[in-house]
């Protein structure tokens, strides 16, 4: 890898995003709006005094899941558009390495993911009064890791799609199973044995575990750092795999 080439790719992608107002709105605004929908779903629930709100549990998890989904969609479609338009083929005729290209994209979208997570977390805390034990910045960190996970998976899946519609079709295969099995809806120990085994190795499961640690403890725990480290290693592995499967064009 060449850091200068990677930085050039990052700068180019950020400049393109800056002029793509719809993508910026999708990245920055949609997660916050969806979080508002989740809040109003539970706004009128009747709870005993001192009982925690459902939003404090579900909303916290949505801070990680929404960026994951949005960044997967934006990245996979954007990368496929680069290939079908011939931009990718032209870039790969230059001295740039495929790893420079992929990691440049990852860094650019990670910057957007960080901004997205900060906005969504600020909305959750300061508008909807999210109440958990842990530090908001730890929530942002896990949300950013989830968004970068979506970026990495989007880059990987775009290599196997020929149209934007096909890229979106990867969602039921790659994204939805992780949401269903991450422990958000049913505790993993209550799942069927096979589903629990699958759940235990899915990347999103580690983020849910990390967020549960943040929600329950005022200070960062070793379990939370371990889950975050595992997610970071998985993201790096997916990016390396994506660079190996990157094709010049869609035939």
C-alpha atoms as a PDB file:
ATOM      1  CA  UNK A   1       0.000   0.000   0.000  1.00  0.00           C
ATOM      2  CA  UNK A   2       1.018   3.584  -0.730  1.00  0.00           C
ATOM      3  CA  UNK A   3      -0.286   6.101   1.851  1.00  0.00           C
ATOM      4  CA  UNK A   4      -0.164   8.928  -0.694  1.00  0.00           C
ATOM      5  CA  UNK A   5      -2.305   6.978  -3.177  1.00  0.00           C
ATOM      6  CA  UNK A   6      -4.730   5.980  -0.447  1.00  0.00           C
ATOM      7  CA  UNK A   7      -5.059   9.591   0.718  1.00  0.00           C
ATOM      8  CA  UNK A   8      -5.667  10.724  -2.869  1.00  0.00           C
ATOM      9  CA  UNK A   9      -8.494   8.198  -3.184  1.00  0.00           C
ATOM     10  CA  UNK A  10      -9.954   9.325   0.141  1.00  0.00           C
ATOM     11  CA  UNK A  11      -9.873  12.976  -0.945  1.00  0.00           C
ATOM     12  CA  UNK A  12     -11.503  12.181  -4.302  1.00  0.00           C
ATOM     13  CA  UNK A  13     -14.345  10.184  -2.726  1.00  0.00           C
ATOM     14  CA  UNK A  14     -15.025  12.860  -0.092  1.00  0.00           C
ATOM     15  CA  UNK A  15     -15.122  15.517  -2.815  1.00  0.00           C
ATOM     16  CA  UNK A  16     -17.610  13.430  -4.804  1.00  0.00           C
ATOM     17  CA  UNK A  17     -19.771  12.951  -1.719  1.00  0.00           C
ATOM     18  CA  UNK A  18     -19.672  16.675  -1.016  1.00  0.00           C
ATOM     19  CA  UNK A  19     -21.415  17.283  -4.347  1.00  0.00           C
ATOM     20  CA  UNK A  20     -23.846  14.379  -3.935  1.00  0.00           C
ATOM     21  CA  UNK A  21     -26.460  15.994  -1.709  1.00  0.00           C
ATOM     22  CA  UNK A  22     -28.793  13.001  -1.719  1.00  0.00           C
ATOM     23  CA  UNK A  23     -26.093  10.648  -0.453  1.00  0.00           C
ATOM     24  CA  UNK A  24     -25.055  13.146   2.213  1.00  0.00           C
ATOM     25  CA  UNK A  25     -28.680  13.446   3.344  1.00  0.00           C
ATOM     26  CA  UNK A  26     -29.023   9.660   3.414  1.00  0.00           C
ATOM     27  CA  UNK A  27     -25.873   9.308   5.502  1.00  0.00           C
ATOM     28  CA  UNK A  28     -26.348  12.227   7.892  1.00  0.00           C
ATOM     29  CA  UNK A  29     -30.112  12.649   8.265  1.00  0.00           C
ATOM     30  CA  UNK A  30     -31.823   9.287   7.766  1.00  0.00           C
ATOM     31  CA  UNK A  31     -30.428   7.494  10.875  1.00  0.00           C
ATOM     32  CA  UNK A  32     -31.520  10.401  13.086  1.00  0.00           C
ATOM     33  CA  UNK A  33     -34.996  10.396  11.507  1.00  0.00           C
ATOM     34  CA  UNK A  34     -35.337   6.642  11.969  1.00  0.00           C
ATOM     35  CA  UNK A  35     -34.249   7.052  15.584  1.00  0.00           C
ATOM     36  CA  UNK A  36     -37.047   9.603  16.004  1.00  0.00           C
ATOM     37  CA  UNK A  37     -39.513   7.023  14.666  1.00  0.00           C
ATOM     38  CA  UNK A  38     -38.267   4.499  17.231  1.00  0.00           C
ATOM     39  CA  UNK A  39     -38.658   7.066  20.014  1.00  0.00           C
ATOM     40  CA  UNK A  40     -42.250   7.921  19.104  1.00  0.00           C
ATOM     41  CA  UNK A  41     -43.123   4.220  18.851  1.00  0.00           C
ATOM     42  CA  UNK A  42     -42.566   3.931  22.589  1.00  0.00           C
ATOM     43  CA  UNK A  43     -43.497   7.474  23.588  1.00  0.00           C
ATOM     44  CA  UNK A  44     -46.828   6.511  25.189  1.00  0.00           C
ATOM     45  CA  UNK A  45     -45.788   3.292  26.943  1.00  0.00           C
ATOM     46  CA  UNK A  46     -47.033   2.988  30.524  1.00  0.00           C
ATOM     47  CA  UNK A  47     -44.192   2.089  32.874  1.00  0.00           C
ATOM     48  CA  UNK A  48     -43.995   1.660  36.670  1.00  0.00           C
ATOM     49  CA  UNK A  49     -41.974   4.348  38.483  1.00  0.00           C
ATOM     50  CA  UNK A  50     -38.235   3.742  38.130  1.00  0.00           C
ATOM     51  CA  UNK A  51     -38.649   1.193  35.353  1.00  0.00           C
ATOM     52  CA  UNK A  52     -36.300   1.864  32.389  1.00  0.00           C
ATOM     53  CA  UNK A  53     -37.846   2.964  29.113  1.00  0.00           C
ATOM     54  CA  UNK A  54     -37.913   0.553  26.197  1.00  0.00           C
ATOM     55  CA  UNK A  55     -36.368   3.312  24.074  1.00  0.00           C
ATOM     56  CA  UNK A  56     -33.263   3.333  26.294  1.00  0.00           C
ATOM     57  CA  UNK A  57     -32.600  -0.275  25.291  1.00  0.00           C
ATOM     58  CA  UNK A  58     -33.874  -0.380  21.713  1.00  0.00           C
ATOM     59  CA  UNK A  59     -32.755   3.128  20.774  1.00  0.00           C
ATOM     60  CA  UNK A  60     -29.236   2.380  21.942  1.00  0.00           C
ATOM     61  CA  UNK A  61     -29.045  -0.655  19.651  1.00  0.00           C
ATOM     62  CA  UNK A  62     -30.470   1.328  16.753  1.00  0.00           C
ATOM     63  CA  UNK A  63     -27.580   3.779  17.085  1.00  0.00           C
ATOM     64  CA  UNK A  64     -25.373   0.944  15.856  1.00  0.00           C
ATOM     65  CA  UNK A  65     -27.735  -0.836  13.473  1.00  0.00           C
ATOM     66  CA  UNK A  66     -28.949   2.157  11.445  1.00  0.00           C
ATOM     67  CA  UNK A  67     -25.420   3.338  10.481  1.00  0.00           C
ATOM     68  CA  UNK A  68     -24.506  -0.254   9.613  1.00  0.00           C
ATOM     69  CA  UNK A  69     -27.428  -0.574   7.195  1.00  0.00           C
ATOM     70  CA  UNK A  70     -27.113   2.898   5.647  1.00  0.00           C
ATOM     71  CA  UNK A  71     -23.369   2.665   5.057  1.00  0.00           C
ATOM     72  CA  UNK A  72     -23.718  -0.806   3.526  1.00  0.00           C
ATOM     73  CA  UNK A  73     -26.230   0.532   1.004  1.00  0.00           C
ATOM     74  CA  UNK A  74     -24.362   3.720   0.143  1.00  0.00           C
ATOM     75  CA  UNK A  75     -20.980   2.023  -0.191  1.00  0.00           C
ATOM     76  CA  UNK A  76     -22.088  -0.956  -2.267  1.00  0.00           C
ATOM     77  CA  UNK A  77     -24.049   1.203  -4.709  1.00  0.00           C
ATOM     78  CA  UNK A  78     -21.303   3.848  -4.966  1.00  0.00           C
ATOM     79  CA  UNK A  79     -18.574   1.300  -5.604  1.00  0.00           C
ATOM     80  CA  UNK A  80     -20.663  -0.480  -8.222  1.00  0.00           C
ATOM     81  CA  UNK A  81     -21.318   2.829  -9.945  1.00  0.00           C
ATOM     82  CA  UNK A  82     -17.567   3.458 -10.078  1.00  0.00           C
ATOM     83  CA  UNK A  83     -17.095   0.113 -11.808  1.00  0.00           C
ATOM     84  CA  UNK A  84     -19.946   0.342 -14.303  1.00  0.00           C
ATOM     85  CA  UNK A  85     -19.023   3.905 -15.291  1.00  0.00           C
ATOM     86  CA  UNK A  86     -15.460   2.840 -16.121  1.00  0.00           C
ATOM     87  CA  UNK A  87     -13.897   4.998 -13.395  1.00  0.00           C
ATOM     88  CA  UNK A  88     -12.504   1.973 -11.584  1.00  0.00           C
ATOM     89  CA  UNK A  89     -10.932   0.578 -14.741  1.00  0.00           C
ATOM     90  CA  UNK A  90      -9.238   3.898 -15.485  1.00  0.00           C
ATOM     91  CA  UNK A  91      -7.920   4.162 -11.935  1.00  0.00           C
ATOM     92  CA  UNK A  92      -6.461   0.668 -12.031  1.00  0.00           C
ATOM     93  CA  UNK A  93      -4.436   1.536 -15.147  1.00  0.00           C
ATOM     94  CA  UNK A  94      -2.495   3.979 -12.948  1.00  0.00           C
ATOM     95  CA  UNK A  95       0.142   2.938 -10.388  1.00  0.00           C
ATOM     96  CA  UNK A  96      -2.548   2.792  -7.677  1.00  0.00           C
ATOM     97  CA  UNK A  97      -2.876  -0.598  -5.968  1.00  0.00           C
ATOM     98  CA  UNK A  98      -6.238  -2.220  -5.327  1.00  0.00           C
ATOM     99  CA  UNK A  99      -5.586  -2.048  -1.584  1.00  0.00           C
ATOM    100  CA  UNK A 100      -4.951   1.707  -1.844  1.00  0.00           C
ATOM    101  CA  UNK A 101      -8.272   2.085  -3.627  1.00  0.00           C
ATOM    102  CA  UNK A 102     -10.303  -0.032  -1.207  1.00  0.00           C
ATOM    103  CA  UNK A 103      -8.780   1.385   1.956  1.00  0.00           C
ATOM    104  CA  UNK A 104      -9.110   4.903   0.528  1.00  0.00           C
ATOM    105  CA  UNK A 105     -12.828   4.298   0.089  1.00  0.00           C
ATOM    106  CA  UNK A 106     -13.005   2.840   3.580  1.00  0.00           C
ATOM    107  CA  UNK A 107     -11.330   5.874   5.135  1.00  0.00           C
ATOM    108  CA  UNK A 108     -13.559   8.315   3.237  1.00  0.00           C
ATOM    109  CA  UNK A 109     -16.762   6.572   4.227  1.00  0.00           C
ATOM    110  CA  UNK A 110     -15.443   6.125   7.764  1.00  0.00           C
ATOM    111  CA  UNK A 111     -15.168   9.908   8.051  1.00  0.00           C
ATOM    112  CA  UNK A 112     -18.800  10.200   6.986  1.00  0.00           C
ATOM    113  CA  UNK A 113     -19.709   7.367   9.351  1.00  0.00           C
ATOM    114  CA  UNK A 114     -18.097   9.202  12.272  1.00  0.00           C
ATOM    115  CA  UNK A 115     -20.072  12.367  11.494  1.00  0.00           C
ATOM    116  CA  UNK A 116     -23.243  10.326  11.081  1.00  0.00           C
ATOM    117  CA  UNK A 117     -22.751   8.579  14.422  1.00  0.00           C
ATOM    118  CA  UNK A 118     -22.049  11.844  16.238  1.00  0.00           C
ATOM    119  CA  UNK A 119     -25.250  13.398  14.850  1.00  0.00           C
ATOM    120  CA  UNK A 120     -27.415  10.356  15.664  1.00  0.00           C
ATOM    121  CA  UNK A 121     -25.961   9.977  19.166  1.00  0.00           C
ATOM    122  CA  UNK A 122     -26.423  13.695  19.865  1.00  0.00           C
ATOM    123  CA  UNK A 123     -30.071  13.411  18.812  1.00  0.00           C
ATOM    124  CA  UNK A 124     -30.564  10.361  21.063  1.00  0.00           C
ATOM    125  CA  UNK A 125     -29.015  11.998  24.123  1.00  0.00           C
ATOM    126  CA  UNK A 126     -30.009  15.640  23.865  1.00  0.00           C
ATOM    127  CA  UNK A 127     -33.384  15.456  22.141  1.00  0.00           C
ATOM    128  CA  UNK A 128     -34.756  12.080  23.254  1.00  0.00           C
ATOM    129  CA  UNK A 129     -32.933  11.914  26.628  1.00  0.00           C
ATOM    130  CA  UNK A 130     -31.381   8.499  26.172  1.00  0.00           C
ATOM    131  CA  UNK A 131     -30.375   7.245  29.633  1.00  0.00           C
ATOM    132  CA  UNK A 132     -27.642   4.641  30.055  1.00  0.00           C
ATOM    133  CA  UNK A 133     -24.778   4.201  32.491  1.00  0.00           C
ATOM    134  CA  UNK A 134     -21.896   4.494  30.028  1.00  0.00           C
ATOM    135  CA  UNK A 135     -20.157   7.371  28.286  1.00  0.00           C
ATOM    136  CA  UNK A 136     -21.775   8.698  25.063  1.00  0.00           C
ATOM    137  CA  UNK A 137     -18.386   8.709  23.317  1.00  0.00           C
ATOM    138  CA  UNK A 138     -18.117   4.949  23.817  1.00  0.00           C
ATOM    139  CA  UNK A 139     -21.491   4.635  22.094  1.00  0.00           C
ATOM    140  CA  UNK A 140     -20.178   6.771  19.224  1.00  0.00           C
ATOM    141  CA  UNK A 141     -17.087   4.561  18.954  1.00  0.00           C
ATOM    142  CA  UNK A 142     -19.154   1.376  18.625  1.00  0.00           C
ATOM    143  CA  UNK A 143     -21.544   3.094  16.210  1.00  0.00           C
ATOM    144  CA  UNK A 144     -18.590   4.140  14.028  1.00  0.00           C
ATOM    145  CA  UNK A 145     -17.215   0.580  14.092  1.00  0.00           C
ATOM    146  CA  UNK A 146     -20.618  -0.666  12.963  1.00  0.00           C
ATOM    147  CA  UNK A 147     -20.774   1.885  10.176  1.00  0.00           C
ATOM    148  CA  UNK A 148     -17.275   0.929   9.018  1.00  0.00           C
ATOM    149  CA  UNK A 149     -18.376  -2.710   9.127  1.00  0.00           C
ATOM    150  CA  UNK A 150     -21.200  -1.730   6.764  1.00  0.00           C
ATOM    151  CA  UNK A 151     -18.646   0.016   4.528  1.00  0.00           C
ATOM    152  CA  UNK A 152     -16.387  -3.057   4.438  1.00  0.00           C
ATOM    153  CA  UNK A 153     -19.246  -5.437   3.667  1.00  0.00           C
ATOM    154  CA  UNK A 154     -20.584  -3.043   1.034  1.00  0.00           C
ATOM    155  CA  UNK A 155     -17.206  -2.939  -0.699  1.00  0.00           C
ATOM    156  CA  UNK A 156     -16.963  -6.735  -0.588  1.00  0.00           C
ATOM    157  CA  UNK A 157     -20.489  -7.389  -1.861  1.00  0.00           C
ATOM    158  CA  UNK A 158     -20.175  -4.845  -4.679  1.00  0.00           C
ATOM    159  CA  UNK A 159     -17.570  -7.140  -6.275  1.00  0.00           C
ATOM    160  CA  UNK A 160     -20.266  -9.783  -6.819  1.00  0.00           C
ATOM    161  CA  UNK A 161     -23.026  -7.501  -8.157  1.00  0.00           C
ATOM    162  CA  UNK A 162     -23.514  -6.381 -11.745  1.00  0.00           C
ATOM    163  CA  UNK A 163     -26.245  -3.800 -11.187  1.00  0.00           C
ATOM    164  CA  UNK A 164     -27.266  -1.484  -8.375  1.00  0.00           C
ATOM    165  CA  UNK A 165     -30.386  -3.588  -7.892  1.00  0.00           C
ATOM    166  CA  UNK A 166     -28.246  -6.681  -7.358  1.00  0.00           C
ATOM    167  CA  UNK A 167     -26.158  -4.771  -4.815  1.00  0.00           C
ATOM    168  CA  UNK A 168     -29.310  -3.970  -2.832  1.00  0.00           C
ATOM    169  CA  UNK A 169     -30.346  -7.637  -3.044  1.00  0.00           C
ATOM    170  CA  UNK A 170     -27.374  -8.551  -0.865  1.00  0.00           C
ATOM    171  CA  UNK A 171     -29.134  -6.947   2.098  1.00  0.00           C
ATOM    172  CA  UNK A 172     -31.374  -9.970   2.873  1.00  0.00           C
ATOM    173  CA  UNK A 173     -28.308 -12.216   2.680  1.00  0.00           C
ATOM    174  CA  UNK A 174     -25.695 -10.152   4.507  1.00  0.00           C
ATOM    175  CA  UNK A 175     -27.463  -7.532   6.639  1.00  0.00           C
ATOM    176  CA  UNK A 176     -30.838  -8.870   7.783  1.00  0.00           C
ATOM    177  CA  UNK A 177     -29.588 -12.184   9.279  1.00  0.00           C
ATOM    178  CA  UNK A 178     -27.164 -10.231  11.446  1.00  0.00           C
ATOM    179  CA  UNK A 179     -29.931  -7.933  12.691  1.00  0.00           C
ATOM    180  CA  UNK A 180     -32.207 -10.886  13.465  1.00  0.00           C
ATOM    181  CA  UNK A 181     -29.550 -12.959  15.225  1.00  0.00           C
ATOM    182  CA  UNK A 182     -27.517 -10.309  17.045  1.00  0.00           C
ATOM    183  CA  UNK A 183     -29.530 -10.670  20.252  1.00  0.00           C
ATOM    184  CA  UNK A 184     -31.685  -7.579  19.794  1.00  0.00           C
ATOM    185  CA  UNK A 185     -35.007  -9.429  19.523  1.00  0.00           C
ATOM    186  CA  UNK A 186     -34.260 -12.694  21.356  1.00  0.00           C
ATOM    187  CA  UNK A 187     -31.483 -13.403  23.845  1.00  0.00           C
ATOM    188  CA  UNK A 188     -28.903 -15.589  22.115  1.00  0.00           C
ATOM    189  CA  UNK A 189     -28.976 -18.235  24.854  1.00  0.00           C
ATOM    190  CA  UNK A 190     -32.696 -18.711  24.146  1.00  0.00           C
ATOM    191  CA  UNK A 191     -32.165 -19.388  20.438  1.00  0.00           C
ATOM    192  CA  UNK A 192     -32.078 -22.701  18.641  1.00  0.00           C
ATOM    193  CA  UNK A 193     -28.625 -24.256  19.062  1.00  0.00           C
ATOM    194  CA  UNK A 194     -27.679 -23.801  15.402  1.00  0.00           C
ATOM    195  CA  UNK A 195     -28.850 -20.179  15.340  1.00  0.00           C
ATOM    196  CA  UNK A 196     -26.996 -19.439  18.566  1.00  0.00           C
ATOM    197  CA  UNK A 197     -23.786 -20.882  17.099  1.00  0.00           C
ATOM    198  CA  UNK A 198     -24.186 -18.722  13.986  1.00  0.00           C
ATOM    199  CA  UNK A 199     -24.999 -15.676  16.105  1.00  0.00           C
ATOM    200  CA  UNK A 200     -21.846 -16.093  18.162  1.00  0.00           C
ATOM    201  CA  UNK A 201     -19.617 -15.454  15.118  1.00  0.00           C
ATOM    202  CA  UNK A 202     -21.565 -12.647  13.420  1.00  0.00           C
ATOM    203  CA  UNK A 203     -19.870  -9.223  13.582  1.00  0.00           C
ATOM    204  CA  UNK A 204     -23.020  -7.362  14.648  1.00  0.00           C
ATOM    205  CA  UNK A 205     -23.330  -9.640  17.695  1.00  0.00           C
ATOM    206  CA  UNK A 206     -20.091  -8.251  19.106  1.00  0.00           C
ATOM    207  CA  UNK A 207     -21.362  -4.688  18.724  1.00  0.00           C
ATOM    208  CA  UNK A 208     -24.602  -5.501  20.549  1.00  0.00           C
ATOM    209  CA  UNK A 209     -22.613  -7.119  23.365  1.00  0.00           C
ATOM    210  CA  UNK A 210     -20.371  -4.046  23.552  1.00  0.00           C
ATOM    211  CA  UNK A 211     -23.359  -1.694  23.717  1.00  0.00           C
ATOM    212  CA  UNK A 212     -24.944  -3.782  26.450  1.00  0.00           C
ATOM    213  CA  UNK A 213     -21.714  -3.453  28.429  1.00  0.00           C
ATOM    214  CA  UNK A 214     -21.772   0.322  27.923  1.00  0.00           C
ATOM    215  CA  UNK A 215     -25.424   0.524  28.958  1.00  0.00           C
ATOM    216  CA  UNK A 216     -24.807  -1.412  32.186  1.00  0.00           C
ATOM    217  CA  UNK A 217     -21.488   0.070  33.377  1.00  0.00           C
ATOM    218  CA  UNK A 218     -20.382   3.640  34.020  1.00  0.00           C
ATOM    219  CA  UNK A 219     -16.789   2.784  33.078  1.00  0.00           C
ATOM    220  CA  UNK A 220     -15.499   0.936  30.018  1.00  0.00           C
ATOM    221  CA  UNK A 221     -15.132  -2.770  30.792  1.00  0.00           C
ATOM    222  CA  UNK A 222     -12.582  -5.252  29.479  1.00  0.00           C
ATOM    223  CA  UNK A 223     -15.431  -7.186  27.819  1.00  0.00           C
ATOM    224  CA  UNK A 224     -16.458  -4.059  25.906  1.00  0.00           C
ATOM    225  CA  UNK A 225     -12.898  -3.432  24.683  1.00  0.00           C
ATOM    226  CA  UNK A 226     -12.584  -7.078  23.691  1.00  0.00           C
ATOM    227  CA  UNK A 227     -15.784  -6.931  21.625  1.00  0.00           C
ATOM    228  CA  UNK A 228     -14.623  -3.689  19.982  1.00  0.00           C
ATOM    229  CA  UNK A 229     -11.230  -5.217  19.163  1.00  0.00           C
ATOM    230  CA  UNK A 230     -12.853  -8.281  17.596  1.00  0.00           C
ATOM    231  CA  UNK A 231     -15.031  -6.017  15.433  1.00  0.00           C
ATOM    232  CA  UNK A 232     -11.989  -4.016  14.316  1.00  0.00           C
ATOM    233  CA  UNK A 233     -10.146  -7.203  13.319  1.00  0.00           C
ATOM    234  CA  UNK A 234     -13.199  -8.453  11.392  1.00  0.00           C
ATOM    235  CA  UNK A 235     -13.500  -5.127   9.543  1.00  0.00           C
ATOM    236  CA  UNK A 236      -9.824  -5.232   8.590  1.00  0.00           C
ATOM    237  CA  UNK A 237     -10.158  -8.831   7.388  1.00  0.00           C
ATOM    238  CA  UNK A 238     -13.193  -7.993   5.244  1.00  0.00           C
ATOM    239  CA  UNK A 239     -11.372  -5.032   3.671  1.00  0.00           C
ATOM    240  CA  UNK A 240      -8.397  -7.231   2.801  1.00  0.00           C
ATOM    241  CA  UNK A 241     -10.742  -9.827   1.296  1.00  0.00           C
ATOM    242  CA  UNK A 242     -12.542  -7.091  -0.650  1.00  0.00           C
ATOM    243  CA  UNK A 243      -9.229  -5.915  -2.138  1.00  0.00           C
ATOM    244  CA  UNK A 244      -8.509  -9.482  -3.303  1.00  0.00           C
ATOM    245  CA  UNK A 245     -11.905  -9.813  -5.003  1.00  0.00           C
ATOM    246  CA  UNK A 246     -11.944  -6.361  -6.592  1.00  0.00           C
ATOM    247  CA  UNK A 247     -12.575  -6.489 -10.335  1.00  0.00           C
ATOM    248  CA  UNK A 248     -11.839  -3.746 -12.834  1.00  0.00           C
ATOM    249  CA  UNK A 249     -15.277  -3.668 -14.378  1.00  0.00           C
ATOM    250  CA  UNK A 250     -18.670  -5.349 -14.361  1.00  0.00           C
ATOM    251  CA  UNK A 251     -18.959  -7.547 -17.460  1.00  0.00           C
END
